[in-house]
């Protein structure tokens, strides 16, 4: 988080910067994460010939720049745009946005606990960041609950506040997998047998942080869909639920098969 960064960046660091002014010899940029100003010399803007600097940078523009020199005594920071690869730029922007979200979430926790954000970080945030990464920790809590934090030493009241904020503000990304069940029951109460097979499969597996749905395609074919936080978890639930349905049907004297759909 920004408040815990060192006062000065190090040579080689990638920084998020806002272009403040453009001159004939380069541009001055404010380092958003450090509240410092640096110089982006024209020779470090592009590897190609520059006719007009403003074709590459302009006032108010956000940019990912590389720190190439730091003189803390003189207060000078030299920056480069041309030395930043496309891949590094994308990753830096992603991480910067994630850090800002984490800061906002931590402020939300502080508000719930009626404590300064610095104190919340010291008591709980530092543990979460060390174990998972701060934003990743919020995502994990959103998926698995406050217990994942108390397990690493976070006080129960803080863990509860983390979980509440995560539930309110983080939308857990889910993946979906599908399969095809073909089941038959020739008994007089065949419809009820099939319905109970579906219900019992859901009750037996009780998938946490997942959703299982059954749809009639055209008897005897039924679709089973599972949504979960990742493909491994979704595939595991799909297999277990489908096997349970087939097993329940077989116990009731019917027949069933399962096929995974791509």
C-alpha atoms as a PDB file:
ATOM      1  CA  UNK A   1       0.000   0.000   0.000  1.00  0.00           C
ATOM      2  CA  UNK A   2       1.107   3.542  -0.738  1.00  0.00           C
ATOM      3  CA  UNK A   3       1.464   4.678   2.875  1.00  0.00           C
ATOM      4  CA  UNK A   4       4.032   1.953   3.574  1.00  0.00           C
ATOM      5  CA  UNK A   5       6.261   2.563   0.568  1.00  0.00           C
ATOM      6  CA  UNK A   6       9.774   3.958   1.148  1.00  0.00           C
ATOM      7  CA  UNK A   7      10.192   7.681   0.653  1.00  0.00           C
ATOM      8  CA  UNK A   8      12.139   7.258  -2.605  1.00  0.00           C
ATOM      9  CA  UNK A   9      11.831   4.691  -5.414  1.00  0.00           C
ATOM     10  CA  UNK A  10      14.797   2.530  -6.336  1.00  0.00           C
ATOM     11  CA  UNK A  11      16.596   2.381  -9.674  1.00  0.00           C
ATOM     12  CA  UNK A  12      14.820  -0.148 -11.862  1.00  0.00           C
ATOM     13  CA  UNK A  13      11.399   0.336 -10.253  1.00  0.00           C
ATOM     14  CA  UNK A  14       8.344   0.788 -12.437  1.00  0.00           C
ATOM     15  CA  UNK A  15       6.173   3.659 -11.242  1.00  0.00           C
ATOM     16  CA  UNK A  16       2.785   5.124 -12.078  1.00  0.00           C
ATOM     17  CA  UNK A  17       3.240   8.782 -12.976  1.00  0.00           C
ATOM     18  CA  UNK A  18       1.159  11.750 -14.112  1.00  0.00           C
ATOM     19  CA  UNK A  19       2.686  14.024 -16.733  1.00  0.00           C
ATOM     20  CA  UNK A  20       2.566  17.536 -15.265  1.00  0.00           C
ATOM     21  CA  UNK A  21       4.367  19.631 -17.881  1.00  0.00           C
ATOM     22  CA  UNK A  22       5.955  19.107 -21.281  1.00  0.00           C
ATOM     23  CA  UNK A  23       8.994  21.046 -22.519  1.00  0.00           C
ATOM     24  CA  UNK A  24      11.240  20.928 -25.565  1.00  0.00           C
ATOM     25  CA  UNK A  25      13.744  18.715 -23.726  1.00  0.00           C
ATOM     26  CA  UNK A  26      11.299  16.308 -22.075  1.00  0.00           C
ATOM     27  CA  UNK A  27       8.532  16.175 -19.511  1.00  0.00           C
ATOM     28  CA  UNK A  28       8.134  16.471 -15.758  1.00  0.00           C
ATOM     29  CA  UNK A  29       6.060  13.777 -14.143  1.00  0.00           C
ATOM     30  CA  UNK A  30       4.637  13.345 -10.651  1.00  0.00           C
ATOM     31  CA  UNK A  31       5.207   9.885  -9.197  1.00  0.00           C
ATOM     32  CA  UNK A  32       1.744   9.079  -7.861  1.00  0.00           C
ATOM     33  CA  UNK A  33       2.952   6.434  -5.408  1.00  0.00           C
ATOM     34  CA  UNK A  34       5.701   8.582  -3.866  1.00  0.00           C
ATOM     35  CA  UNK A  35       4.504  12.182  -4.182  1.00  0.00           C
ATOM     36  CA  UNK A  36       7.792  13.067  -5.915  1.00  0.00           C
ATOM     37  CA  UNK A  37       8.555  14.653  -9.255  1.00  0.00           C
ATOM     38  CA  UNK A  38      10.884  13.202 -11.866  1.00  0.00           C
ATOM     39  CA  UNK A  39      12.256  14.169 -15.267  1.00  0.00           C
ATOM     40  CA  UNK A  40      11.456  12.185 -18.376  1.00  0.00           C
ATOM     41  CA  UNK A  41      14.171  13.371 -20.779  1.00  0.00           C
ATOM     42  CA  UNK A  42      13.335  13.456 -24.469  1.00  0.00           C
ATOM     43  CA  UNK A  43      16.012  10.819 -25.115  1.00  0.00           C
ATOM     44  CA  UNK A  44      14.111   8.425 -22.840  1.00  0.00           C
ATOM     45  CA  UNK A  45      10.678   8.919 -24.383  1.00  0.00           C
ATOM     46  CA  UNK A  46      11.013   6.784 -27.499  1.00  0.00           C
ATOM     47  CA  UNK A  47      13.593   4.749 -29.384  1.00  0.00           C
ATOM     48  CA  UNK A  48      12.337   6.265 -32.640  1.00  0.00           C
ATOM     49  CA  UNK A  49      12.833   9.821 -33.881  1.00  0.00           C
ATOM     50  CA  UNK A  50      10.597  12.367 -32.156  1.00  0.00           C
ATOM     51  CA  UNK A  51       9.194  15.223 -34.212  1.00  0.00           C
ATOM     52  CA  UNK A  52       6.802  16.429 -31.529  1.00  0.00           C
ATOM     53  CA  UNK A  53       7.080  15.336 -27.882  1.00  0.00           C
ATOM     54  CA  UNK A  54       3.335  15.754 -27.443  1.00  0.00           C
ATOM     55  CA  UNK A  55       2.776  12.933 -29.899  1.00  0.00           C
ATOM     56  CA  UNK A  56       4.101  10.677 -27.120  1.00  0.00           C
ATOM     57  CA  UNK A  57       3.274  12.427 -23.832  1.00  0.00           C
ATOM     58  CA  UNK A  58       0.880  15.179 -22.834  1.00  0.00           C
ATOM     59  CA  UNK A  59      -0.123  17.032 -19.685  1.00  0.00           C
ATOM     60  CA  UNK A  60      -2.444  15.043 -17.436  1.00  0.00           C
ATOM     61  CA  UNK A  61      -1.539  11.704 -18.984  1.00  0.00           C
ATOM     62  CA  UNK A  62      -0.986   8.663 -16.751  1.00  0.00           C
ATOM     63  CA  UNK A  63       2.096   6.648 -17.691  1.00  0.00           C
ATOM     64  CA  UNK A  64       4.141   3.712 -16.482  1.00  0.00           C
ATOM     65  CA  UNK A  65       7.758   4.846 -16.284  1.00  0.00           C
ATOM     66  CA  UNK A  66      11.011   3.210 -15.259  1.00  0.00           C
ATOM     67  CA  UNK A  67      13.291   4.808 -12.670  1.00  0.00           C
ATOM     68  CA  UNK A  68      16.806   5.014 -14.133  1.00  0.00           C
ATOM     69  CA  UNK A  69      18.510   7.396 -11.649  1.00  0.00           C
ATOM     70  CA  UNK A  70      17.786   8.624  -8.121  1.00  0.00           C
ATOM     71  CA  UNK A  71      19.628  11.388  -6.278  1.00  0.00           C
ATOM     72  CA  UNK A  72      17.796  11.856  -2.979  1.00  0.00           C
ATOM     73  CA  UNK A  73      20.248  14.535  -1.813  1.00  0.00           C
ATOM     74  CA  UNK A  74      19.541  16.761  -4.800  1.00  0.00           C
ATOM     75  CA  UNK A  75      15.925  15.583  -5.049  1.00  0.00           C
ATOM     76  CA  UNK A  76      16.343  14.350  -8.630  1.00  0.00           C
ATOM     77  CA  UNK A  77      14.679  11.352 -10.234  1.00  0.00           C
ATOM     78  CA  UNK A  78      15.293  10.444 -13.878  1.00  0.00           C
ATOM     79  CA  UNK A  79      12.667   8.408 -15.670  1.00  0.00           C
ATOM     80  CA  UNK A  80      12.290   6.437 -18.886  1.00  0.00           C
ATOM     81  CA  UNK A  81       9.305   5.560 -21.038  1.00  0.00           C
ATOM     82  CA  UNK A  82      11.124   3.748 -23.834  1.00  0.00           C
ATOM     83  CA  UNK A  83      12.587   1.146 -21.454  1.00  0.00           C
ATOM     84  CA  UNK A  84       9.153  -0.065 -20.321  1.00  0.00           C
ATOM     85  CA  UNK A  85       7.918  -3.129 -22.210  1.00  0.00           C
ATOM     86  CA  UNK A  86       4.259  -3.547 -23.082  1.00  0.00           C
ATOM     87  CA  UNK A  87       3.975  -6.593 -20.848  1.00  0.00           C
ATOM     88  CA  UNK A  88       5.591  -4.804 -17.892  1.00  0.00           C
ATOM     89  CA  UNK A  89       3.305  -1.803 -18.396  1.00  0.00           C
ATOM     90  CA  UNK A  90       0.159  -3.948 -18.353  1.00  0.00           C
ATOM     91  CA  UNK A  91       1.269  -5.830 -15.234  1.00  0.00           C
ATOM     92  CA  UNK A  92       2.208  -2.618 -13.403  1.00  0.00           C
ATOM     93  CA  UNK A  93      -1.174  -1.032 -14.156  1.00  0.00           C
ATOM     94  CA  UNK A  94      -2.961  -4.199 -13.004  1.00  0.00           C
ATOM     95  CA  UNK A  95      -1.011  -4.274  -9.741  1.00  0.00           C
ATOM     96  CA  UNK A  96      -1.495  -0.540  -9.150  1.00  0.00           C
ATOM     97  CA  UNK A  97      -5.253  -0.811  -9.591  1.00  0.00           C
ATOM     98  CA  UNK A  98      -5.333  -3.826  -7.307  1.00  0.00           C
ATOM     99  CA  UNK A  99      -3.340  -1.979  -4.628  1.00  0.00           C
ATOM    100  CA  UNK A 100      -5.749   0.958  -4.774  1.00  0.00           C
ATOM    101  CA  UNK A 101      -8.713  -1.394  -4.379  1.00  0.00           C
ATOM    102  CA  UNK A 102      -7.010  -3.028  -1.404  1.00  0.00           C
ATOM    103  CA  UNK A 103      -6.473   0.360   0.243  1.00  0.00           C
ATOM    104  CA  UNK A 104     -10.137   1.248  -0.226  1.00  0.00           C
ATOM    105  CA  UNK A 105     -11.215  -2.109   1.214  1.00  0.00           C
ATOM    106  CA  UNK A 106      -8.930  -1.688   4.212  1.00  0.00           C
ATOM    107  CA  UNK A 107     -10.416   1.753   4.856  1.00  0.00           C
ATOM    108  CA  UNK A 108     -13.818   0.079   4.826  1.00  0.00           C
ATOM    109  CA  UNK A 109     -12.628  -2.359   7.499  1.00  0.00           C
ATOM    110  CA  UNK A 110     -11.273   0.541   9.571  1.00  0.00           C
ATOM    111  CA  UNK A 111     -14.644   2.289   9.372  1.00  0.00           C
ATOM    112  CA  UNK A 112     -16.460  -0.819  10.597  1.00  0.00           C
ATOM    113  CA  UNK A 113     -14.032  -1.196  13.508  1.00  0.00           C
ATOM    114  CA  UNK A 114     -13.976   2.569  14.236  1.00  0.00           C
ATOM    115  CA  UNK A 115     -10.178   2.492  14.209  1.00  0.00           C
ATOM    116  CA  UNK A 116      -7.479   4.366  12.253  1.00  0.00           C
ATOM    117  CA  UNK A 117      -6.544   2.524   9.060  1.00  0.00           C
ATOM    118  CA  UNK A 118      -2.899   2.378  10.186  1.00  0.00           C
ATOM    119  CA  UNK A 119      -3.900   0.494  13.327  1.00  0.00           C
ATOM    120  CA  UNK A 120      -6.050  -1.935  11.374  1.00  0.00           C
ATOM    121  CA  UNK A 121      -3.129  -2.631   9.064  1.00  0.00           C
ATOM    122  CA  UNK A 122      -0.767  -3.268  11.965  1.00  0.00           C
ATOM    123  CA  UNK A 123      -3.229  -5.565  13.766  1.00  0.00           C
ATOM    124  CA  UNK A 124      -4.569  -7.470  10.785  1.00  0.00           C
ATOM    125  CA  UNK A 125      -3.640  -6.130   7.347  1.00  0.00           C
ATOM    126  CA  UNK A 126       0.058  -6.926   7.667  1.00  0.00           C
ATOM    127  CA  UNK A 127      -0.708 -10.570   8.469  1.00  0.00           C
ATOM    128  CA  UNK A 128      -3.074 -10.834   5.515  1.00  0.00           C
ATOM    129  CA  UNK A 129      -0.611  -9.176   3.157  1.00  0.00           C
ATOM    130  CA  UNK A 130       2.252 -11.396   4.254  1.00  0.00           C
ATOM    131  CA  UNK A 131       0.208 -14.578   3.904  1.00  0.00           C
ATOM    132  CA  UNK A 132      -1.806 -13.921   0.753  1.00  0.00           C
ATOM    133  CA  UNK A 133      -1.252 -10.400  -0.537  1.00  0.00           C
ATOM    134  CA  UNK A 134      -3.710  -7.793   0.733  1.00  0.00           C
ATOM    135  CA  UNK A 135      -6.201  -7.763  -2.147  1.00  0.00           C
ATOM    136  CA  UNK A 136      -5.830 -11.505  -2.669  1.00  0.00           C
ATOM    137  CA  UNK A 137      -6.605 -11.914   1.035  1.00  0.00           C
ATOM    138  CA  UNK A 138      -9.863 -10.026   0.634  1.00  0.00           C
ATOM    139  CA  UNK A 139     -10.753 -12.262  -2.326  1.00  0.00           C
ATOM    140  CA  UNK A 140      -9.983 -15.391  -0.300  1.00  0.00           C
ATOM    141  CA  UNK A 141     -12.160 -14.176   2.558  1.00  0.00           C
ATOM    142  CA  UNK A 142     -14.984 -13.440   0.116  1.00  0.00           C
ATOM    143  CA  UNK A 143     -14.794 -17.052  -1.077  1.00  0.00           C
ATOM    144  CA  UNK A 144     -14.063 -18.923   2.159  1.00  0.00           C
ATOM    145  CA  UNK A 145     -15.150 -16.742   5.071  1.00  0.00           C
ATOM    146  CA  UNK A 146     -13.512 -15.142   8.108  1.00  0.00           C
ATOM    147  CA  UNK A 147     -12.035 -18.455   9.285  1.00  0.00           C
ATOM    148  CA  UNK A 148      -9.174 -18.192   6.803  1.00  0.00           C
ATOM    149  CA  UNK A 149      -7.986 -15.074   8.628  1.00  0.00           C
ATOM    150  CA  UNK A 150      -8.420 -16.248  12.213  1.00  0.00           C
ATOM    151  CA  UNK A 151      -6.380 -19.300  11.191  1.00  0.00           C
ATOM    152  CA  UNK A 152      -3.353 -17.066  10.495  1.00  0.00           C
ATOM    153  CA  UNK A 153      -3.695 -15.062  13.694  1.00  0.00           C
ATOM    154  CA  UNK A 154      -5.999 -12.203  12.716  1.00  0.00           C
ATOM    155  CA  UNK A 155      -8.180 -11.159  15.708  1.00  0.00           C
ATOM    156  CA  UNK A 156     -11.758 -12.409  15.421  1.00  0.00           C
ATOM    157  CA  UNK A 157     -13.316  -8.923  15.332  1.00  0.00           C
ATOM    158  CA  UNK A 158     -10.976  -7.823  12.544  1.00  0.00           C
ATOM    159  CA  UNK A 159     -11.552 -11.036  10.603  1.00  0.00           C
ATOM    160  CA  UNK A 160     -15.296 -10.510  10.841  1.00  0.00           C
ATOM    161  CA  UNK A 161     -14.960  -6.925   9.544  1.00  0.00           C
ATOM    162  CA  UNK A 162     -12.730  -8.125   6.677  1.00  0.00           C
ATOM    163  CA  UNK A 163     -15.339 -10.723   5.749  1.00  0.00           C
ATOM    164  CA  UNK A 164     -18.187  -8.202   5.843  1.00  0.00           C
ATOM    165  CA  UNK A 165     -16.341  -5.727   3.619  1.00  0.00           C
ATOM    166  CA  UNK A 166     -15.278  -8.487   1.223  1.00  0.00           C
ATOM    167  CA  UNK A 167     -18.846  -9.783   0.954  1.00  0.00           C
ATOM    168  CA  UNK A 168     -20.191  -6.273   0.327  1.00  0.00           C
ATOM    169  CA  UNK A 169     -17.616  -5.117  -2.226  1.00  0.00           C
ATOM    170  CA  UNK A 170     -15.985  -8.079  -3.951  1.00  0.00           C
ATOM    171  CA  UNK A 171     -17.740 -10.014  -6.639  1.00  0.00           C
ATOM    172  CA  UNK A 172     -16.265 -13.505  -6.655  1.00  0.00           C
ATOM    173  CA  UNK A 173     -15.511 -14.660 -10.174  1.00  0.00           C
ATOM    174  CA  UNK A 174     -17.051 -18.028 -10.962  1.00  0.00           C
ATOM    175  CA  UNK A 175     -16.402 -20.550 -13.714  1.00  0.00           C
ATOM    176  CA  UNK A 176     -18.984 -22.944 -15.083  1.00  0.00           C
ATOM    177  CA  UNK A 177     -18.804 -26.561 -16.246  1.00  0.00           C
ATOM    178  CA  UNK A 178     -21.570 -28.735 -17.671  1.00  0.00           C
ATOM    179  CA  UNK A 179     -22.460 -32.373 -18.086  1.00  0.00           C
ATOM    180  CA  UNK A 180     -25.232 -34.523 -19.529  1.00  0.00           C
ATOM    181  CA  UNK A 181     -27.158 -37.053 -17.436  1.00  0.00           C
ATOM    182  CA  UNK A 182     -29.258 -39.699 -19.115  1.00  0.00           C
ATOM    183  CA  UNK A 183     -31.416 -41.416 -16.507  1.00  0.00           C
ATOM    184  CA  UNK A 184     -34.375 -43.757 -16.618  1.00  0.00           C
ATOM    185  CA  UNK A 185     -36.706 -45.184 -13.993  1.00  0.00           C
ATOM    186  CA  UNK A 186     -39.414 -47.564 -15.146  1.00  0.00           C
ATOM    187  CA  UNK A 187     -41.164 -47.733 -11.751  1.00  0.00           C
ATOM    188  CA  UNK A 188     -44.675 -46.243 -11.370  1.00  0.00           C
ATOM    189  CA  UNK A 189     -43.217 -43.406  -9.289  1.00  0.00           C
ATOM    190  CA  UNK A 190     -40.316 -42.855 -11.699  1.00  0.00           C
ATOM    191  CA  UNK A 191     -40.684 -39.056 -11.798  1.00  0.00           C
ATOM    192  CA  UNK A 192     -40.460 -38.863  -8.018  1.00  0.00           C
ATOM    193  CA  UNK A 193     -37.443 -41.192  -7.994  1.00  0.00           C
ATOM    194  CA  UNK A 194     -35.604 -38.917 -10.425  1.00  0.00           C
ATOM    195  CA  UNK A 195     -36.511 -35.779  -8.482  1.00  0.00           C
ATOM    196  CA  UNK A 196     -35.282 -37.326  -5.226  1.00  0.00           C
ATOM    197  CA  UNK A 197     -32.063 -38.455  -6.908  1.00  0.00           C
ATOM    198  CA  UNK A 198     -31.321 -34.837  -7.838  1.00  0.00           C
ATOM    199  CA  UNK A 199     -32.245 -33.470  -4.393  1.00  0.00           C
ATOM    200  CA  UNK A 200     -30.248 -36.114  -2.538  1.00  0.00           C
ATOM    201  CA  UNK A 201     -27.191 -35.456  -4.700  1.00  0.00           C
ATOM    202  CA  UNK A 202     -27.274 -31.779  -3.744  1.00  0.00           C
ATOM    203  CA  UNK A 203     -27.819 -32.514  -0.067  1.00  0.00           C
ATOM    204  CA  UNK A 204     -25.104 -35.166   0.102  1.00  0.00           C
ATOM    205  CA  UNK A 205     -22.367 -33.086  -1.531  1.00  0.00           C
ATOM    206  CA  UNK A 206     -23.346 -29.726   0.020  1.00  0.00           C
ATOM    207  CA  UNK A 207     -20.861 -27.798  -2.169  1.00  0.00           C
ATOM    208  CA  UNK A 208     -19.505 -24.718  -0.396  1.00  0.00           C
ATOM    209  CA  UNK A 209     -19.155 -21.544  -2.448  1.00  0.00           C
ATOM    210  CA  UNK A 210     -20.588 -23.307  -5.495  1.00  0.00           C
ATOM    211  CA  UNK A 211     -23.905 -23.599  -7.286  1.00  0.00           C
ATOM    212  CA  UNK A 212     -25.372 -26.794  -8.754  1.00  0.00           C
ATOM    213  CA  UNK A 213     -28.302 -26.691 -11.184  1.00  0.00           C
ATOM    214  CA  UNK A 214     -30.258 -29.400 -13.028  1.00  0.00           C
ATOM    215  CA  UNK A 215     -32.317 -28.786 -16.175  1.00  0.00           C
ATOM    216  CA  UNK A 216     -34.598 -31.018 -18.216  1.00  0.00           C
ATOM    217  CA  UNK A 217     -33.486 -31.188 -21.841  1.00  0.00           C
ATOM    218  CA  UNK A 218     -35.915 -33.846 -23.006  1.00  0.00           C
ATOM    219  CA  UNK A 219     -36.484 -36.897 -20.837  1.00  0.00           C
ATOM    220  CA  UNK A 220     -34.451 -39.012 -20.249  1.00  0.00           C
ATOM    221  CA  UNK A 221     -31.740 -36.359 -20.815  1.00  0.00           C
ATOM    222  CA  UNK A 222     -30.918 -33.785 -18.147  1.00  0.00           C
ATOM    223  CA  UNK A 223     -28.252 -31.085 -18.014  1.00  0.00           C
ATOM    224  CA  UNK A 224     -26.195 -30.548 -14.859  1.00  0.00           C
ATOM    225  CA  UNK A 225     -24.317 -27.257 -14.451  1.00  0.00           C
ATOM    226  CA  UNK A 226     -21.851 -26.353 -11.724  1.00  0.00           C
ATOM    227  CA  UNK A 227     -20.469 -22.883 -10.971  1.00  0.00           C
ATOM    228  CA  UNK A 228     -17.458 -22.595  -8.658  1.00  0.00           C
ATOM    229  CA  UNK A 229     -14.433 -20.390  -7.999  1.00  0.00           C
ATOM    230  CA  UNK A 230     -12.073 -22.413 -10.216  1.00  0.00           C
ATOM    231  CA  UNK A 231     -12.185 -25.231 -12.758  1.00  0.00           C
ATOM    232  CA  UNK A 232     -10.630 -27.844 -10.489  1.00  0.00           C
ATOM    233  CA  UNK A 233     -13.273 -27.263  -7.820  1.00  0.00           C
ATOM    234  CA  UNK A 234     -16.089 -27.134 -10.395  1.00  0.00           C
ATOM    235  CA  UNK A 235     -14.987 -30.354 -12.104  1.00  0.00           C
ATOM    236  CA  UNK A 236     -14.722 -32.146  -8.757  1.00  0.00           C
ATOM    237  CA  UNK A 237     -18.245 -31.126  -7.749  1.00  0.00           C
ATOM    238  CA  UNK A 238     -19.645 -32.000 -11.189  1.00  0.00           C
ATOM    239  CA  UNK A 239     -18.224 -35.510 -11.012  1.00  0.00           C
ATOM    240  CA  UNK A 240     -19.374 -36.135  -7.425  1.00  0.00           C
ATOM    241  CA  UNK A 241     -22.890 -34.779  -7.936  1.00  0.00           C
ATOM    242  CA  UNK A 242     -23.387 -36.671 -11.197  1.00  0.00           C
ATOM    243  CA  UNK A 243     -22.080 -39.928  -9.731  1.00  0.00           C
ATOM    244  CA  UNK A 244     -24.444 -39.449  -6.788  1.00  0.00           C
ATOM    245  CA  UNK A 245     -27.443 -39.037  -9.105  1.00  0.00           C
ATOM    246  CA  UNK A 246     -26.533 -42.137 -11.124  1.00  0.00           C
ATOM    247  CA  UNK A 247     -25.972 -44.121  -7.900  1.00  0.00           C
ATOM    248  CA  UNK A 248     -29.311 -43.026  -6.416  1.00  0.00           C
ATOM    249  CA  UNK A 249     -31.149 -43.965  -9.603  1.00  0.00           C
ATOM    250  CA  UNK A 250     -29.452 -47.376  -9.686  1.00  0.00           C
ATOM    251  CA  UNK A 251     -30.402 -48.051  -6.042  1.00  0.00           C
ATOM    252  CA  UNK A 252     -34.034 -47.318  -6.947  1.00  0.00           C
ATOM    253  CA  UNK A 253     -33.933 -49.857  -9.769  1.00  0.00           C
ATOM    254  CA  UNK A 254     -33.284 -47.420 -12.615  1.00  0.00           C
ATOM    255  CA  UNK A 255     -30.393 -46.752 -14.963  1.00  0.00           C
ATOM    256  CA  UNK A 256     -28.186 -43.720 -15.440  1.00  0.00           C
ATOM    257  CA  UNK A 257     -25.118 -42.503 -17.312  1.00  0.00           C
ATOM    258  CA  UNK A 258     -23.110 -39.276 -17.201  1.00  0.00           C
ATOM    259  CA  UNK A 259     -21.106 -37.543 -19.910  1.00  0.00           C
ATOM    260  CA  UNK A 260     -18.977 -34.407 -19.473  1.00  0.00           C
ATOM    261  CA  UNK A 261     -19.845 -31.692 -21.980  1.00  0.00           C
ATOM    262  CA  UNK A 262     -17.112 -29.505 -23.491  1.00  0.00           C
END
